[in-house]
Amino acid sequence: MTFENNSIQFTAPEGAYTIPYILQQIATIQADIGYVSAALEQLSKISDGNSGNPGSPGDIAGEAKAKAIRDVIIHREETNQQLLRLYEKMYDDLTSRPEHNSPEQP
């Protein structure tokens, strides 16, 4: 099986994608929350922006940093959702093969 994307080509060995492989990849995505913990830790380090001066705009840089961290999390979650859709499709393709279908009962 060969996948091409303009400048990237990847050839997977035949039979490399199995139901156990797909389930393991889904479990890996589910368990991968380190980036969320890291983002929360970074957010906790950002100043609250209270300079004590009346009428001051606050910590604009801190707000921008927080939004950037938020965007990283959003985009990572979108990537995870796309991966899950891909694995769902792969799972459906594998389970629709005749060797995975149970024999009909007489």
PDB file of N, CA and C in Angstrom:
ATOM      1  N   MET A   1       0.850  -1.155   0.000  1.00  0.00           N
ATOM      2  CA  MET A   1       0.000   0.000   0.000  1.00  0.00           C
ATOM      3  C   MET A   1       0.903   1.227   0.000  1.00  0.00           C
ATOM      4  N   THR A   2       0.698   2.159  -0.919  1.00  0.00           N
ATOM      5  CA  THR A   2       1.530   3.346  -1.025  1.00  0.00           C
ATOM      6  C   THR A   2       0.662   4.587  -0.929  1.00  0.00           C
ATOM      7  N   PHE A   3       1.113   5.533  -0.117  1.00  0.00           N
ATOM      8  CA  PHE A   3       0.427   6.804   0.045  1.00  0.00           C
ATOM      9  C   PHE A   3       1.342   7.896  -0.478  1.00  0.00           C
ATOM     10  N   GLU A   4       0.799   8.830  -1.239  1.00  0.00           N
ATOM     11  CA  GLU A   4       1.608   9.931  -1.753  1.00  0.00           C
ATOM     12  C   GLU A   4       0.938  11.253  -1.437  1.00  0.00           C
ATOM     13  N   ASN A   5       1.764  12.228  -1.109  1.00  0.00           N
ATOM     14  CA  ASN A   5       1.290  13.573  -0.840  1.00  0.00           C
ATOM     15  C   ASN A   5       2.346  14.534  -1.348  1.00  0.00           C
ATOM     16  N   ASN A   6       2.202  15.010  -2.558  1.00  0.00           N
ATOM     17  CA  ASN A   6       3.142  15.905  -3.222  1.00  0.00           C
ATOM     18  C   ASN A   6       4.595  15.478  -3.030  1.00  0.00           C
ATOM     19  N   SER A   7       5.203  15.769  -1.890  1.00  0.00           N
ATOM     20  CA  SER A   7       6.615  15.464  -1.706  1.00  0.00           C
ATOM     21  C   SER A   7       6.868  14.306  -0.753  1.00  0.00           C
ATOM     22  N   ILE A   8       5.818  13.730  -0.177  1.00  0.00           N
ATOM     23  CA  ILE A   8       5.981  12.653   0.799  1.00  0.00           C
ATOM     24  C   ILE A   8       5.405  11.371   0.229  1.00  0.00           C
ATOM     25  N   GLN A   9       6.168  10.306   0.354  1.00  0.00           N
ATOM     26  CA  GLN A   9       5.673   8.996  -0.059  1.00  0.00           C
ATOM     27  C   GLN A   9       5.937   8.019   1.075  1.00  0.00           C
ATOM     28  N   PHE A  10       4.931   7.263   1.427  1.00  0.00           N
ATOM     29  CA  PHE A  10       5.044   6.286   2.501  1.00  0.00           C
ATOM     30  C   PHE A  10       4.491   4.970   2.007  1.00  0.00           C
ATOM     31  N   THR A  11       5.278   3.912   2.143  1.00  0.00           N
ATOM     32  CA  THR A  11       4.821   2.587   1.755  1.00  0.00           C
ATOM     33  C   THR A  11       4.715   1.730   3.005  1.00  0.00           C
ATOM     34  N   ALA A  12       3.517   1.274   3.276  1.00  0.00           N
ATOM     35  CA  ALA A  12       3.290   0.421   4.432  1.00  0.00           C
ATOM     36  C   ALA A  12       3.402  -1.032   4.005  1.00  0.00           C
ATOM     37  N   PRO A  13       4.029  -1.849   4.844  1.00  0.00           N
ATOM     38  CA  PRO A  13       4.089  -3.277   4.525  1.00  0.00           C
ATOM     39  C   PRO A  13       2.686  -3.867   4.482  1.00  0.00           C
ATOM     40  N   GLU A  14       2.469  -4.795   3.582  1.00  0.00           N
ATOM     41  CA  GLU A  14       1.152  -5.435   3.479  1.00  0.00           C
ATOM     42  C   GLU A  14       0.784  -6.069   4.823  1.00  0.00           C
ATOM     43  N   GLY A  15      -0.441  -5.900   5.231  1.00  0.00           N
ATOM     44  CA  GLY A  15      -0.928  -6.490   6.475  1.00  0.00           C
ATOM     45  C   GLY A  15      -0.506  -5.733   7.722  1.00  0.00           C
ATOM     46  N   ALA A  16       0.129  -4.565   7.544  1.00  0.00           N
ATOM     47  CA  ALA A  16       0.610  -3.809   8.706  1.00  0.00           C
ATOM     48  C   ALA A  16      -0.539  -3.213   9.506  1.00  0.00           C
ATOM     49  N   TYR A  17      -1.644  -2.932   8.843  1.00  0.00           N
ATOM     50  CA  TYR A  17      -2.768  -2.316   9.532  1.00  0.00           C
ATOM     51  C   TYR A  17      -3.789  -3.383   9.866  1.00  0.00           C
ATOM     52  N   THR A  18      -3.876  -3.669  11.156  1.00  0.00           N
ATOM     53  CA  THR A  18      -4.778  -4.688  11.663  1.00  0.00           C
ATOM     54  C   THR A  18      -5.706  -4.054  12.692  1.00  0.00           C
ATOM     55  N   ILE A  19      -6.721  -4.800  13.066  1.00  0.00           N
ATOM     56  CA  ILE A  19      -7.638  -4.294  14.087  1.00  0.00           C
ATOM     57  C   ILE A  19      -6.900  -4.033  15.406  1.00  0.00           C
ATOM     58  N   PRO A  20      -6.040  -4.959  15.882  1.00  0.00           N
ATOM     59  CA  PRO A  20      -5.299  -4.641  17.114  1.00  0.00           C
ATOM     60  C   PRO A  20      -4.430  -3.380  16.981  1.00  0.00           C
ATOM     61  N   TYR A  21      -3.822  -3.181  15.797  1.00  0.00           N
ATOM     62  CA  TYR A  21      -3.018  -1.976  15.578  1.00  0.00           C
ATOM     63  C   TYR A  21      -3.894  -0.729  15.706  1.00  0.00           C
ATOM     64  N   ILE A  22      -5.055  -0.737  15.076  1.00  0.00           N
ATOM     65  CA  ILE A  22      -5.953   0.420  15.109  1.00  0.00           C
ATOM     66  C   ILE A  22      -6.419   0.691  16.534  1.00  0.00           C
ATOM     67  N   LEU A  23      -6.791  -0.353  17.255  1.00  0.00           N
ATOM     68  CA  LEU A  23      -7.240  -0.177  18.640  1.00  0.00           C
ATOM     69  C   LEU A  23      -6.119   0.371  19.519  1.00  0.00           C
ATOM     70  N   GLN A  24      -4.887  -0.075  19.276  1.00  0.00           N
ATOM     71  CA  GLN A  24      -3.747   0.437  20.032  1.00  0.00           C
ATOM     72  C   GLN A  24      -3.518   1.921  19.736  1.00  0.00           C
ATOM     73  N   GLN A  25      -3.652   2.314  18.481  1.00  0.00           N
ATOM     74  CA  GLN A  25      -3.467   3.717  18.110  1.00  0.00           C
ATOM     75  C   GLN A  25      -4.547   4.592  18.759  1.00  0.00           C
ATOM     76  N   ILE A  26      -5.769   4.102  18.805  1.00  0.00           N
ATOM     77  CA  ILE A  26      -6.850   4.847  19.451  1.00  0.00           C
ATOM     78  C   ILE A  26      -6.560   4.991  20.944  1.00  0.00           C
ATOM     79  N   ALA A  27      -6.096   3.926  21.567  1.00  0.00           N
ATOM     80  CA  ALA A  27      -5.751   3.981  22.997  1.00  0.00           C
ATOM     81  C   ALA A  27      -4.603   4.963  23.241  1.00  0.00           C
ATOM     82  N   THR A  28      -3.655   5.010  22.326  1.00  0.00           N
ATOM     83  CA  THR A  28      -2.532   5.937  22.453  1.00  0.00           C
ATOM     84  C   THR A  28      -3.022   7.381  22.383  1.00  0.00           C
ATOM     85  N   ILE A  29      -3.918   7.662  21.451  1.00  0.00           N
ATOM     86  CA  ILE A  29      -4.478   9.014  21.343  1.00  0.00           C
ATOM     87  C   ILE A  29      -5.222   9.369  22.626  1.00  0.00           C
ATOM     88  N   GLN A  30      -5.999   8.416  23.132  1.00  0.00           N
ATOM     89  CA  GLN A  30      -6.794   8.651  24.335  1.00  0.00           C
ATOM     90  C   GLN A  30      -5.897   8.928  25.543  1.00  0.00           C
ATOM     91  N   ALA A  31      -4.776   8.247  25.639  1.00  0.00           N
ATOM     92  CA  ALA A  31      -3.891   8.386  26.796  1.00  0.00           C
ATOM     93  C   ALA A  31      -2.957   9.594  26.691  1.00  0.00           C
ATOM     94  N   ASP A  32      -2.813  10.160  25.506  1.00  0.00           N
ATOM     95  CA  ASP A  32      -1.871  11.249  25.281  1.00  0.00           C
ATOM     96  C   ASP A  32      -2.459  12.574  25.733  1.00  0.00           C
ATOM     97  N   ILE A  33      -2.286  12.872  27.013  1.00  0.00           N
ATOM     98  CA  ILE A  33      -2.789  14.141  27.537  1.00  0.00           C
ATOM     99  C   ILE A  33      -1.646  15.007  28.061  1.00  0.00           C
ATOM    100  N   GLY A  34      -0.429  14.603  27.794  1.00  0.00           N
ATOM    101  CA  GLY A  34       0.726  15.360  28.271  1.00  0.00           C
ATOM    102  C   GLY A  34       0.728  16.788  27.774  1.00  0.00           C
ATOM    103  N   TYR A  35       0.304  16.999  26.544  1.00  0.00           N
ATOM    104  CA  TYR A  35       0.283  18.356  25.999  1.00  0.00           C
ATOM    105  C   TYR A  35      -0.731  19.234  26.716  1.00  0.00           C
ATOM    106  N   VAL A  36      -1.814  18.626  27.219  1.00  0.00           N
ATOM    107  CA  VAL A  36      -2.803  19.399  27.969  1.00  0.00           C
ATOM    108  C   VAL A  36      -2.204  19.821  29.310  1.00  0.00           C
ATOM    109  N   SER A  37      -1.534  18.886  29.977  1.00  0.00           N
ATOM    110  CA  SER A  37      -0.889  19.213  31.256  1.00  0.00           C
ATOM    111  C   SER A  37       0.166  20.294  31.078  1.00  0.00           C
ATOM    112  N   ALA A  38       0.956  20.182  30.009  1.00  0.00           N
ATOM    113  CA  ALA A  38       1.996  21.182  29.743  1.00  0.00           C
ATOM    114  C   ALA A  38       1.367  22.548  29.474  1.00  0.00           C
ATOM    115  N   ALA A  39       0.270  22.575  28.730  1.00  0.00           N
ATOM    116  CA  ALA A  39      -0.401  23.841  28.447  1.00  0.00           C
ATOM    117  C   ALA A  39      -0.957  24.468  29.718  1.00  0.00           C
ATOM    118  N   LEU A  40      -1.554  23.650  30.570  1.00  0.00           N
ATOM    119  CA  LEU A  40      -2.089  24.174  31.824  1.00  0.00           C
ATOM    120  C   LEU A  40      -0.973  24.699  32.721  1.00  0.00           C
ATOM    121  N   GLU A  41       0.151  24.016  32.722  1.00  0.00           N
ATOM    122  CA  GLU A  41       1.293  24.480  33.510  1.00  0.00           C
ATOM    123  C   GLU A  41       1.784  25.841  32.988  1.00  0.00           C
ATOM    124  N   GLN A  42       1.857  25.972  31.662  1.00  0.00           N
ATOM    125  CA  GLN A  42       2.285  27.251  31.078  1.00  0.00           C
ATOM    126  C   GLN A  42       1.283  28.357  31.395  1.00  0.00           C
ATOM    127  N   LEU A  43       0.001  28.031  31.344  1.00  0.00           N
ATOM    128  CA  LEU A  43      -1.015  29.030  31.671  1.00  0.00           C
ATOM    129  C   LEU A  43      -0.897  29.506  33.112  1.00  0.00           C
ATOM    130  N   SER A  44      -0.554  28.588  34.010  1.00  0.00           N
ATOM    131  CA  SER A  44      -0.438  28.965  35.420  1.00  0.00           C
ATOM    132  C   SER A  44       0.742  29.905  35.657  1.00  0.00           C
ATOM    133  N   LYS A  45       1.702  29.923  34.753  1.00  0.00           N
ATOM    134  CA  LYS A  45       2.879  30.790  34.887  1.00  0.00           C
ATOM    135  C   LYS A  45       2.650  32.189  34.322  1.00  0.00           C
ATOM    136  N   ILE A  46       1.570  32.381  33.588  1.00  0.00           N
ATOM    137  CA  ILE A  46       1.297  33.682  32.978  1.00  0.00           C
ATOM    138  C   ILE A  46       0.721  34.616  34.036  1.00  0.00           C
ATOM    139  N   SER A  47       1.239  35.833  34.057  1.00  0.00           N
ATOM    140  CA  SER A  47       0.787  36.847  35.006  1.00  0.00           C
ATOM    141  C   SER A  47      -0.702  37.119  34.827  1.00  0.00           C
ATOM    142  N   ASP A  48      -1.339  37.546  35.919  1.00  0.00           N
ATOM    143  CA  ASP A  48      -2.755  37.886  35.818  1.00  0.00           C
ATOM    144  C   ASP A  48      -2.962  39.234  35.140  1.00  0.00           C
ATOM    145  N   GLY A  49      -1.882  39.972  34.897  1.00  0.00           N
ATOM    146  CA  GLY A  49      -1.958  41.215  34.150  1.00  0.00           C
ATOM    147  C   GLY A  49      -2.354  42.424  34.962  1.00  0.00           C
ATOM    148  N   ASN A  50      -2.532  42.273  36.256  1.00  0.00           N
ATOM    149  CA  ASN A  50      -2.930  43.397  37.086  1.00  0.00           C
ATOM    150  C   ASN A  50      -1.689  44.201  37.460  1.00  0.00           C
ATOM    151  N   SER A  51      -1.500  45.345  36.787  1.00  0.00           N
ATOM    152  CA  SER A  51      -0.332  46.180  37.057  1.00  0.00           C
ATOM    153  C   SER A  51      -0.555  47.108  38.243  1.00  0.00           C
ATOM    154  N   GLY A  52      -1.772  47.247  38.660  1.00  0.00           N
ATOM    155  CA  GLY A  52      -2.077  48.130  39.772  1.00  0.00           C
ATOM    156  C   GLY A  52      -2.324  49.566  39.345  1.00  0.00           C
ATOM    157  N   ASN A  53      -2.085  49.865  38.100  1.00  0.00           N
ATOM    158  CA  ASN A  53      -2.309  51.219  37.603  1.00  0.00           C
ATOM    159  C   ASN A  53      -3.721  51.336  37.044  1.00  0.00           C
ATOM    160  N   PRO A  54      -4.511  52.281  37.562  1.00  0.00           N
ATOM    161  CA  PRO A  54      -5.869  52.447  37.031  1.00  0.00           C
ATOM    162  C   PRO A  54      -5.840  52.791  35.545  1.00  0.00           C
ATOM    163  N   GLY A  55      -6.690  52.158  34.786  1.00  0.00           N
ATOM    164  CA  GLY A  55      -6.808  52.429  33.359  1.00  0.00           C
ATOM    165  C   GLY A  55      -5.751  51.757  32.499  1.00  0.00           C
ATOM    166  N   SER A  56      -4.857  50.986  33.103  1.00  0.00           N
ATOM    167  CA  SER A  56      -3.837  50.309  32.299  1.00  0.00           C
ATOM    168  C   SER A  56      -4.486  49.151  31.551  1.00  0.00           C
ATOM    169  N   PRO A  57      -3.940  48.834  30.373  1.00  0.00           N
ATOM    170  CA  PRO A  57      -4.565  47.782  29.559  1.00  0.00           C
ATOM    171  C   PRO A  57      -4.347  46.377  30.100  1.00  0.00           C
ATOM    172  N   GLY A  58      -3.552  46.237  31.112  1.00  0.00           N
ATOM    173  CA  GLY A  58      -3.284  44.903  31.645  1.00  0.00           C
ATOM    174  C   GLY A  58      -2.147  44.238  30.894  1.00  0.00           C
ATOM    175  N   ASP A  59      -2.032  42.953  31.048  1.00  0.00           N
ATOM    176  CA  ASP A  59      -0.922  42.204  30.446  1.00  0.00           C
ATOM    177  C   ASP A  59      -1.344  41.701  29.070  1.00  0.00           C
ATOM    178  N   ILE A  60      -1.129  42.520  28.048  1.00  0.00           N
ATOM    179  CA  ILE A  60      -1.523  42.159  26.688  1.00  0.00           C
ATOM    180  C   ILE A  60      -0.704  40.970  26.197  1.00  0.00           C
ATOM    181  N   ALA A  61       0.585  40.950  26.539  1.00  0.00           N
ATOM    182  CA  ALA A  61       1.446  39.836  26.120  1.00  0.00           C
ATOM    183  C   ALA A  61       0.977  38.539  26.772  1.00  0.00           C
ATOM    184  N   GLY A  62       0.580  38.598  28.033  1.00  0.00           N
ATOM    185  CA  GLY A  62       0.084  37.403  28.720  1.00  0.00           C
ATOM    186  C   GLY A  62      -1.188  36.875  28.076  1.00  0.00           C
ATOM    187  N   GLU A  63      -2.054  37.779  27.668  1.00  0.00           N
ATOM    188  CA  GLU A  63      -3.285  37.381  26.990  1.00  0.00           C
ATOM    189  C   GLU A  63      -2.962  36.705  25.653  1.00  0.00           C
ATOM    190  N   ALA A  64      -2.019  37.271  24.928  1.00  0.00           N
ATOM    191  CA  ALA A  64      -1.615  36.684  23.641  1.00  0.00           C
ATOM    192  C   ALA A  64      -1.012  35.301  23.832  1.00  0.00           C
ATOM    193  N   LYS A  65      -0.202  35.153  24.890  1.00  0.00           N
ATOM    194  CA  LYS A  65       0.392  33.840  25.175  1.00  0.00           C
ATOM    195  C   LYS A  65      -0.704  32.819  25.498  1.00  0.00           C
ATOM    196  N   ALA A  66      -1.661  33.229  26.306  1.00  0.00           N
ATOM    197  CA  ALA A  66      -2.755  32.327  26.676  1.00  0.00           C
ATOM    198  C   ALA A  66      -3.549  31.910  25.448  1.00  0.00           C
ATOM    199  N   LYS A  67      -3.809  32.859  24.541  1.00  0.00           N
ATOM    200  CA  LYS A  67      -4.539  32.526  23.319  1.00  0.00           C
ATOM    201  C   LYS A  67      -3.726  31.584  22.433  1.00  0.00           C
ATOM    202  N   ALA A  68      -2.417  31.782  22.393  1.00  0.00           N
ATOM    203  CA  ALA A  68      -1.560  30.900  21.590  1.00  0.00           C
ATOM    204  C   ALA A  68      -1.577  29.483  22.151  1.00  0.00           C
ATOM    205  N   ILE A  69      -1.531  29.364  23.464  1.00  0.00           N
ATOM    206  CA  ILE A  69      -1.590  28.036  24.100  1.00  0.00           C
ATOM    207  C   ILE A  69      -2.936  27.392  23.813  1.00  0.00           C
ATOM    208  N   ARG A  70      -4.004  28.186  23.912  1.00  0.00           N
ATOM    209  CA  ARG A  70      -5.343  27.685  23.592  1.00  0.00           C
ATOM    210  C   ARG A  70      -5.402  27.158  22.158  1.00  0.00           C
ATOM    211  N   ASP A  71      -4.822  27.925  21.240  1.00  0.00           N
ATOM    212  CA  ASP A  71      -4.837  27.527  19.832  1.00  0.00           C
ATOM    213  C   ASP A  71      -4.078  26.225  19.601  1.00  0.00           C
ATOM    214  N   VAL A  72      -2.972  26.038  20.316  1.00  0.00           N
ATOM    215  CA  VAL A  72      -2.213  24.788  20.192  1.00  0.00           C
ATOM    216  C   VAL A  72      -3.085  23.614  20.618  1.00  0.00           C
ATOM    217  N   ILE A  73      -3.768  23.765  21.725  1.00  0.00           N
ATOM    218  CA  ILE A  73      -4.645  22.693  22.215  1.00  0.00           C
ATOM    219  C   ILE A  73      -5.776  22.430  21.219  1.00  0.00           C
ATOM    220  N   ILE A  74      -6.393  23.481  20.726  1.00  0.00           N
ATOM    221  CA  ILE A  74      -7.501  23.316  19.771  1.00  0.00           C
ATOM    222  C   ILE A  74      -7.023  22.562  18.539  1.00  0.00           C
ATOM    223  N   HIS A  75      -5.884  22.969  17.993  1.00  0.00           N
ATOM    224  CA  HIS A  75      -5.396  22.327  16.769  1.00  0.00           C
ATOM    225  C   HIS A  75      -4.961  20.890  17.025  1.00  0.00           C
ATOM    226  N   ARG A  76      -4.409  20.622  18.187  1.00  0.00           N
ATOM    227  CA  ARG A  76      -4.021  19.241  18.515  1.00  0.00           C
ATOM    228  C   ARG A  76      -5.264  18.370  18.634  1.00  0.00           C
ATOM    229  N   GLU A  77      -6.291  18.882  19.242  1.00  0.00           N
ATOM    230  CA  GLU A  77      -7.537  18.119  19.367  1.00  0.00           C
ATOM    231  C   GLU A  77      -8.181  17.899  18.002  1.00  0.00           C
ATOM    232  N   GLU A  78      -8.097  18.885  17.119  1.00  0.00           N
ATOM    233  CA  GLU A  78      -8.619  18.701  15.758  1.00  0.00           C
ATOM    234  C   GLU A  78      -7.841  17.603  15.033  1.00  0.00           C
ATOM    235  N   THR A  79      -6.531  17.583  15.227  1.00  0.00           N
ATOM    236  CA  THR A  79      -5.710  16.529  14.626  1.00  0.00           C
ATOM    237  C   THR A  79      -6.113  15.168  15.184  1.00  0.00           C
ATOM    238  N   ASN A  80      -6.318  15.088  16.485  1.00  0.00           N
ATOM    239  CA  ASN A  80      -6.744  13.828  17.096  1.00  0.00           C
ATOM    240  C   ASN A  80      -8.089  13.374  16.520  1.00  0.00           C
ATOM    241  N   GLN A  81      -9.009  14.301  16.323  1.00  0.00           N
ATOM    242  CA  GLN A  81     -10.309  13.952  15.753  1.00  0.00           C
ATOM    243  C   GLN A  81     -10.157  13.413  14.334  1.00  0.00           C
ATOM    244  N   GLN A  82      -9.281  14.018  13.562  1.00  0.00           N
ATOM    245  CA  GLN A  82      -9.037  13.536  12.199  1.00  0.00           C
ATOM    246  C   GLN A  82      -8.407  12.146  12.217  1.00  0.00           C
ATOM    247  N   LEU A  83      -7.472  11.926  13.136  1.00  0.00           N
ATOM    248  CA  LEU A  83      -6.862  10.594  13.254  1.00  0.00           C
ATOM    249  C   LEU A  83      -7.906   9.557  13.635  1.00  0.00           C
ATOM    250  N   LEU A  84      -8.778   9.908  14.562  1.00  0.00           N
ATOM    251  CA  LEU A  84      -9.820   8.970  14.975  1.00  0.00           C
ATOM    252  C   LEU A  84     -10.757   8.642  13.819  1.00  0.00           C
ATOM    253  N   ARG A  85     -11.094   9.633  12.997  1.00  0.00           N
ATOM    254  CA  ARG A  85     -11.933   9.363  11.819  1.00  0.00           C
ATOM    255  C   ARG A  85     -11.213   8.435  10.847  1.00  0.00           C
ATOM    256  N   LEU A  86      -9.902   8.656  10.672  1.00  0.00           N
ATOM    257  CA  LEU A  86      -9.114   7.785   9.805  1.00  0.00           C
ATOM    258  C   LEU A  86      -9.096   6.361  10.351  1.00  0.00           C
ATOM    259  N   TYR A  87      -8.839   6.204  11.640  1.00  0.00           N
ATOM    260  CA  TYR A  87      -8.821   4.862  12.234  1.00  0.00           C
ATOM    261  C   TYR A  87     -10.202   4.211  12.186  1.00  0.00           C
ATOM    262  N   GLU A  88     -11.245   5.014  12.326  1.00  0.00           N
ATOM    263  CA  GLU A  88     -12.608   4.473  12.204  1.00  0.00           C
ATOM    264  C   GLU A  88     -12.833   3.914  10.795  1.00  0.00           C
ATOM    265  N   LYS A  89     -12.400   4.664   9.804  1.00  0.00           N
ATOM    266  CA  LYS A  89     -12.535   4.210   8.413  1.00  0.00           C
ATOM    267  C   LYS A  89     -11.706   2.947   8.170  1.00  0.00           C
ATOM    268  N   MET A  90     -10.486   2.933   8.682  1.00  0.00           N
ATOM    269  CA  MET A  90      -9.638   1.746   8.528  1.00  0.00           C
ATOM    270  C   MET A  90     -10.285   0.540   9.198  1.00  0.00           C
ATOM    271  N   TYR A  91     -10.834   0.760  10.386  1.00  0.00           N
ATOM    272  CA  TYR A  91     -11.502  -0.325  11.116  1.00  0.00           C
ATOM    273  C   TYR A  91     -12.693  -0.840  10.302  1.00  0.00           C
ATOM    274  N   ASP A  92     -13.493   0.090   9.790  1.00  0.00           N
ATOM    275  CA  ASP A  92     -14.644  -0.312   8.977  1.00  0.00           C
ATOM    276  C   ASP A  92     -14.200  -1.101   7.745  1.00  0.00           C
ATOM    277  N   ASP A  93     -13.127  -0.637   7.104  1.00  0.00           N
ATOM    278  CA  ASP A  93     -12.611  -1.345   5.929  1.00  0.00           C
ATOM    279  C   ASP A  93     -12.142  -2.748   6.286  1.00  0.00           C
ATOM    280  N   LEU A  94     -11.447  -2.868   7.415  1.00  0.00           N
ATOM    281  CA  LEU A  94     -10.945  -4.189   7.823  1.00  0.00           C
ATOM    282  C   LEU A  94     -12.081  -5.130   8.215  1.00  0.00           C
ATOM    283  N   THR A  95     -13.080  -4.610   8.909  1.00  0.00           N
ATOM    284  CA  THR A  95     -14.169  -5.480   9.364  1.00  0.00           C
ATOM    285  C   THR A  95     -15.156  -5.795   8.255  1.00  0.00           C
ATOM    286  N   SER A  96     -15.088  -5.080   7.146  1.00  0.00           N
ATOM    287  CA  SER A  96     -15.978  -5.398   6.034  1.00  0.00           C
ATOM    288  C   SER A  96     -15.394  -6.478   5.124  1.00  0.00           C
ATOM    289  N   ARG A  97     -14.164  -6.891   5.380  1.00  0.00           N
ATOM    290  CA  ARG A  97     -13.548  -7.968   4.600  1.00  0.00           C
ATOM    291  C   ARG A  97     -14.229  -9.289   4.942  1.00  0.00           C
ATOM    292  N   PRO A  98     -14.333 -10.178   3.976  1.00  0.00           N
ATOM    293  CA  PRO A  98     -15.007 -11.461   4.216  1.00  0.00           C
ATOM    294  C   PRO A  98     -14.393 -12.281   5.356  1.00  0.00           C
ATOM    295  N   GLU A  99     -13.069 -12.232   5.524  1.00  0.00           N
ATOM    296  CA  GLU A  99     -12.457 -13.060   6.574  1.00  0.00           C
ATOM    297  C   GLU A  99     -12.780 -12.567   7.978  1.00  0.00           C
ATOM    298  N   HIS A 100     -13.319 -11.350   8.109  1.00  0.00           N
ATOM    299  CA  HIS A 100     -13.701 -10.832   9.415  1.00  0.00           C
ATOM    300  C   HIS A 100     -15.195 -10.964   9.679  1.00  0.00           C
ATOM    301  N   ASN A 101     -15.942 -11.317   8.680  1.00  0.00           N
ATOM    302  CA  ASN A 101     -17.388 -11.490   8.859  1.00  0.00           C
ATOM    303  C   ASN A 101     -17.668 -12.893   9.379  1.00  0.00           C
ATOM    304  N   SER A 102     -18.575 -12.964  10.309  1.00  0.00           N
ATOM    305  CA  SER A 102     -18.913 -14.285  10.848  1.00  0.00           C
ATOM    306  C   SER A 102     -19.743 -15.059   9.823  1.00  0.00           C
ATOM    307  N   PRO A 103     -19.584 -16.370   9.787  1.00  0.00           N
ATOM    308  CA  PRO A 103     -20.378 -17.170   8.849  1.00  0.00           C
ATOM    309  C   PRO A 103     -21.857 -17.105   9.206  1.00  0.00           C
ATOM    310  N   GLU A 104     -22.657 -17.141   8.188  1.00  0.00           N
ATOM    311  CA  GLU A 104     -24.102 -17.097   8.415  1.00  0.00           C
ATOM    312  C   GLU A 104     -24.568 -18.412   9.027  1.00  0.00           C
ATOM    313  N   GLN A 105     -25.496 -18.300   9.920  1.00  0.00           N
ATOM    314  CA  GLN A 105     -26.074 -19.458  10.592  1.00  0.00           C
ATOM    315  C   GLN A 105     -27.186 -20.015   9.704  1.00  0.00           C
ATOM    316  N   PRO A 106     -27.250 -21.345   9.531  1.00  0.00           N
ATOM    317  CA  PRO A 106     -28.325 -21.923   8.700  1.00  0.00           C
ATOM    318  C   PRO A 106     -29.683 -21.795   9.338  1.00  0.00           C
TER     319      PRO A 106
END
